[in-house]
């Protein structure tokens, strides 16, 4: 078996916290983010944007940015809303969610902009 890397994360060190699988990777480029949105649209999932302060990411509900974009198929419009949320709340984490209305659950969720700790 190969060596497993231990990611040094803890509740007391808020800068070390991981949120989901993508948080172990470098930040997504604009092209990589677009591909994730394209995937959500291709699956027929309803995109939504959420945000929260970095210090509240684990023990609070995230704020919803507007309503979920039911039936939205424009990748540019979805990315524009994510960017608008990030600009309105530059210190917050911004998360993209794809809701699967058939399974009645999130099909995917990823932090696409990371806020800075105060």
C-alpha atoms as a PDB file:
ATOM      1  CA  UNK A   1       0.000   0.000   0.000  1.00  0.00           C
ATOM      2  CA  UNK A   2       1.299   3.459  -0.823  1.00  0.00           C
ATOM      3  CA  UNK A   3       1.964   6.116   1.753  1.00  0.00           C
ATOM      4  CA  UNK A   4      -1.039   8.230   2.664  1.00  0.00           C
ATOM      5  CA  UNK A   5      -0.514  11.934   3.249  1.00  0.00           C
ATOM      6  CA  UNK A   6      -1.971  13.391   6.422  1.00  0.00           C
ATOM      7  CA  UNK A   7      -3.447  16.835   5.850  1.00  0.00           C
ATOM      8  CA  UNK A   8      -2.749  18.863   8.948  1.00  0.00           C
ATOM      9  CA  UNK A   9      -6.204  20.294   9.601  1.00  0.00           C
ATOM     10  CA  UNK A  10      -7.903  21.065  12.874  1.00  0.00           C
ATOM     11  CA  UNK A  11     -10.843  22.938  14.291  1.00  0.00           C
ATOM     12  CA  UNK A  12      -8.547  25.312  16.168  1.00  0.00           C
ATOM     13  CA  UNK A  13      -6.590  26.315  13.040  1.00  0.00           C
ATOM     14  CA  UNK A  14      -9.282  27.780  10.797  1.00  0.00           C
ATOM     15  CA  UNK A  15      -6.889  28.302   7.880  1.00  0.00           C
ATOM     16  CA  UNK A  16      -6.218  24.548   7.698  1.00  0.00           C
ATOM     17  CA  UNK A  17      -9.832  23.407   7.408  1.00  0.00           C
ATOM     18  CA  UNK A  18     -11.011  21.433   4.414  1.00  0.00           C
ATOM     19  CA  UNK A  19     -14.583  21.658   3.102  1.00  0.00           C
ATOM     20  CA  UNK A  20     -14.967  18.963   0.499  1.00  0.00           C
ATOM     21  CA  UNK A  21     -12.914  16.938  -1.961  1.00  0.00           C
ATOM     22  CA  UNK A  22     -11.926  19.924  -4.124  1.00  0.00           C
ATOM     23  CA  UNK A  23     -10.522  21.816  -1.132  1.00  0.00           C
ATOM     24  CA  UNK A  24      -7.547  19.433  -1.094  1.00  0.00           C
ATOM     25  CA  UNK A  25      -6.631  20.623  -4.585  1.00  0.00           C
ATOM     26  CA  UNK A  26      -5.304  24.003  -5.712  1.00  0.00           C
ATOM     27  CA  UNK A  27      -7.954  26.682  -6.305  1.00  0.00           C
ATOM     28  CA  UNK A  28      -9.876  26.161  -9.541  1.00  0.00           C
ATOM     29  CA  UNK A  29      -9.069  28.278 -12.562  1.00  0.00           C
ATOM     30  CA  UNK A  30     -11.881  30.073 -14.377  1.00  0.00           C
ATOM     31  CA  UNK A  31     -11.869  27.316 -17.034  1.00  0.00           C
ATOM     32  CA  UNK A  32     -12.057  24.547 -14.413  1.00  0.00           C
ATOM     33  CA  UNK A  33     -14.922  26.339 -12.664  1.00  0.00           C
ATOM     34  CA  UNK A  34     -16.749  26.626 -16.001  1.00  0.00           C
ATOM     35  CA  UNK A  35     -16.356  22.876 -16.550  1.00  0.00           C
ATOM     36  CA  UNK A  36     -17.916  22.166 -13.152  1.00  0.00           C
ATOM     37  CA  UNK A  37     -20.892  24.399 -13.979  1.00  0.00           C
ATOM     38  CA  UNK A  38     -21.218  22.697 -17.381  1.00  0.00           C
ATOM     39  CA  UNK A  39     -21.324  19.346 -15.573  1.00  0.00           C
ATOM     40  CA  UNK A  40     -24.120  20.569 -13.277  1.00  0.00           C
ATOM     41  CA  UNK A  41     -26.122  21.836 -16.269  1.00  0.00           C
ATOM     42  CA  UNK A  42     -25.575  18.618 -18.272  1.00  0.00           C
ATOM     43  CA  UNK A  43     -26.852  16.544 -15.344  1.00  0.00           C
ATOM     44  CA  UNK A  44     -30.029  18.655 -15.228  1.00  0.00           C
ATOM     45  CA  UNK A  45     -29.289  19.758 -11.663  1.00  0.00           C
ATOM     46  CA  UNK A  46     -30.488  23.089 -10.327  1.00  0.00           C
ATOM     47  CA  UNK A  47     -27.564  25.369  -9.460  1.00  0.00           C
ATOM     48  CA  UNK A  48     -27.498  27.515  -6.340  1.00  0.00           C
ATOM     49  CA  UNK A  49     -24.944  29.838  -4.789  1.00  0.00           C
ATOM     50  CA  UNK A  50     -24.320  30.023  -1.037  1.00  0.00           C
ATOM     51  CA  UNK A  51     -21.859  31.996   1.070  1.00  0.00           C
ATOM     52  CA  UNK A  52     -20.681  32.337   4.656  1.00  0.00           C
ATOM     53  CA  UNK A  53     -17.937  33.862   6.755  1.00  0.00           C
ATOM     54  CA  UNK A  54     -14.896  31.546   6.952  1.00  0.00           C
ATOM     55  CA  UNK A  55     -15.148  31.296  10.736  1.00  0.00           C
ATOM     56  CA  UNK A  56     -18.778  30.084  10.441  1.00  0.00           C
ATOM     57  CA  UNK A  57     -18.305  27.542   7.660  1.00  0.00           C
ATOM     58  CA  UNK A  58     -18.584  24.512   9.941  1.00  0.00           C
ATOM     59  CA  UNK A  59     -21.137  25.383  12.572  1.00  0.00           C
ATOM     60  CA  UNK A  60     -23.663  27.611  10.794  1.00  0.00           C
ATOM     61  CA  UNK A  61     -25.986  27.339   7.839  1.00  0.00           C
ATOM     62  CA  UNK A  62     -24.625  29.027   4.756  1.00  0.00           C
ATOM     63  CA  UNK A  63     -26.539  32.057   3.437  1.00  0.00           C
ATOM     64  CA  UNK A  64     -28.328  31.562   0.164  1.00  0.00           C
ATOM     65  CA  UNK A  65     -27.442  34.027  -2.596  1.00  0.00           C
ATOM     66  CA  UNK A  66     -30.839  34.700  -4.142  1.00  0.00           C
ATOM     67  CA  UNK A  67     -32.998  31.642  -4.890  1.00  0.00           C
ATOM     68  CA  UNK A  68     -31.717  28.462  -6.534  1.00  0.00           C
ATOM     69  CA  UNK A  69     -31.617  28.890 -10.301  1.00  0.00           C
ATOM     70  CA  UNK A  70     -34.301  26.346 -11.148  1.00  0.00           C
ATOM     71  CA  UNK A  71     -33.997  25.218 -14.765  1.00  0.00           C
ATOM     72  CA  UNK A  72     -31.106  27.571 -15.544  1.00  0.00           C
ATOM     73  CA  UNK A  73     -29.001  26.250 -18.421  1.00  0.00           C
ATOM     74  CA  UNK A  74     -26.804  29.280 -19.140  1.00  0.00           C
ATOM     75  CA  UNK A  75     -23.335  28.566 -17.810  1.00  0.00           C
ATOM     76  CA  UNK A  76     -22.448  32.243 -18.204  1.00  0.00           C
ATOM     77  CA  UNK A  77     -25.415  33.351 -16.115  1.00  0.00           C
ATOM     78  CA  UNK A  78     -24.567  30.894 -13.330  1.00  0.00           C
ATOM     79  CA  UNK A  79     -20.927  32.004 -13.301  1.00  0.00           C
ATOM     80  CA  UNK A  80     -22.051  35.633 -13.327  1.00  0.00           C
ATOM     81  CA  UNK A  81     -24.183  35.063 -10.217  1.00  0.00           C
ATOM     82  CA  UNK A  82     -21.295  33.318  -8.447  1.00  0.00           C
ATOM     83  CA  UNK A  83     -19.013  36.226  -9.309  1.00  0.00           C
ATOM     84  CA  UNK A  84     -21.638  38.765  -8.144  1.00  0.00           C
ATOM     85  CA  UNK A  85     -21.922  36.935  -4.809  1.00  0.00           C
ATOM     86  CA  UNK A  86     -18.141  36.915  -4.435  1.00  0.00           C
ATOM     87  CA  UNK A  87     -17.935  40.644  -5.211  1.00  0.00           C
ATOM     88  CA  UNK A  88     -20.757  41.450  -2.770  1.00  0.00           C
ATOM     89  CA  UNK A  89     -19.143  39.330  -0.019  1.00  0.00           C
ATOM     90  CA  UNK A  90     -15.396  39.307  -0.807  1.00  0.00           C
ATOM     91  CA  UNK A  91     -14.407  38.011   2.629  1.00  0.00           C
ATOM     92  CA  UNK A  92     -16.779  35.040   2.527  1.00  0.00           C
ATOM     93  CA  UNK A  93     -16.458  31.539   1.172  1.00  0.00           C
ATOM     94  CA  UNK A  94     -18.740  31.082  -1.840  1.00  0.00           C
ATOM     95  CA  UNK A  95     -20.103  27.629  -2.591  1.00  0.00           C
ATOM     96  CA  UNK A  96     -21.682  26.310  -5.788  1.00  0.00           C
ATOM     97  CA  UNK A  97     -24.335  23.651  -5.254  1.00  0.00           C
ATOM     98  CA  UNK A  98     -26.035  21.435  -7.825  1.00  0.00           C
ATOM     99  CA  UNK A  99     -29.390  20.145  -6.541  1.00  0.00           C
ATOM    100  CA  UNK A 100     -30.585  16.862  -7.978  1.00  0.00           C
ATOM    101  CA  UNK A 101     -34.362  17.215  -7.994  1.00  0.00           C
ATOM    102  CA  UNK A 102     -34.899  13.495  -8.717  1.00  0.00           C
ATOM    103  CA  UNK A 103     -32.900  12.270  -5.730  1.00  0.00           C
ATOM    104  CA  UNK A 104     -34.032  15.248  -3.627  1.00  0.00           C
ATOM    105  CA  UNK A 105     -30.474  15.984  -2.509  1.00  0.00           C
ATOM    106  CA  UNK A 106     -27.314  17.793  -3.471  1.00  0.00           C
ATOM    107  CA  UNK A 107     -25.657  16.199  -6.471  1.00  0.00           C
ATOM    108  CA  UNK A 108     -22.526  18.254  -5.866  1.00  0.00           C
ATOM    109  CA  UNK A 109     -21.253  21.120  -3.746  1.00  0.00           C
ATOM    110  CA  UNK A 110     -17.914  22.874  -3.891  1.00  0.00           C
ATOM    111  CA  UNK A 111     -16.332  26.009  -2.490  1.00  0.00           C
ATOM    112  CA  UNK A 112     -15.407  28.055  -5.553  1.00  0.00           C
ATOM    113  CA  UNK A 113     -14.133  31.204  -3.806  1.00  0.00           C
ATOM    114  CA  UNK A 114     -12.384  31.095  -0.447  1.00  0.00           C
ATOM    115  CA  UNK A 115     -12.629  34.014   1.937  1.00  0.00           C
ATOM    116  CA  UNK A 116      -9.807  35.230   4.112  1.00  0.00           C
ATOM    117  CA  UNK A 117      -9.853  34.908   7.881  1.00  0.00           C
ATOM    118  CA  UNK A 118     -10.132  38.204   9.734  1.00  0.00           C
END
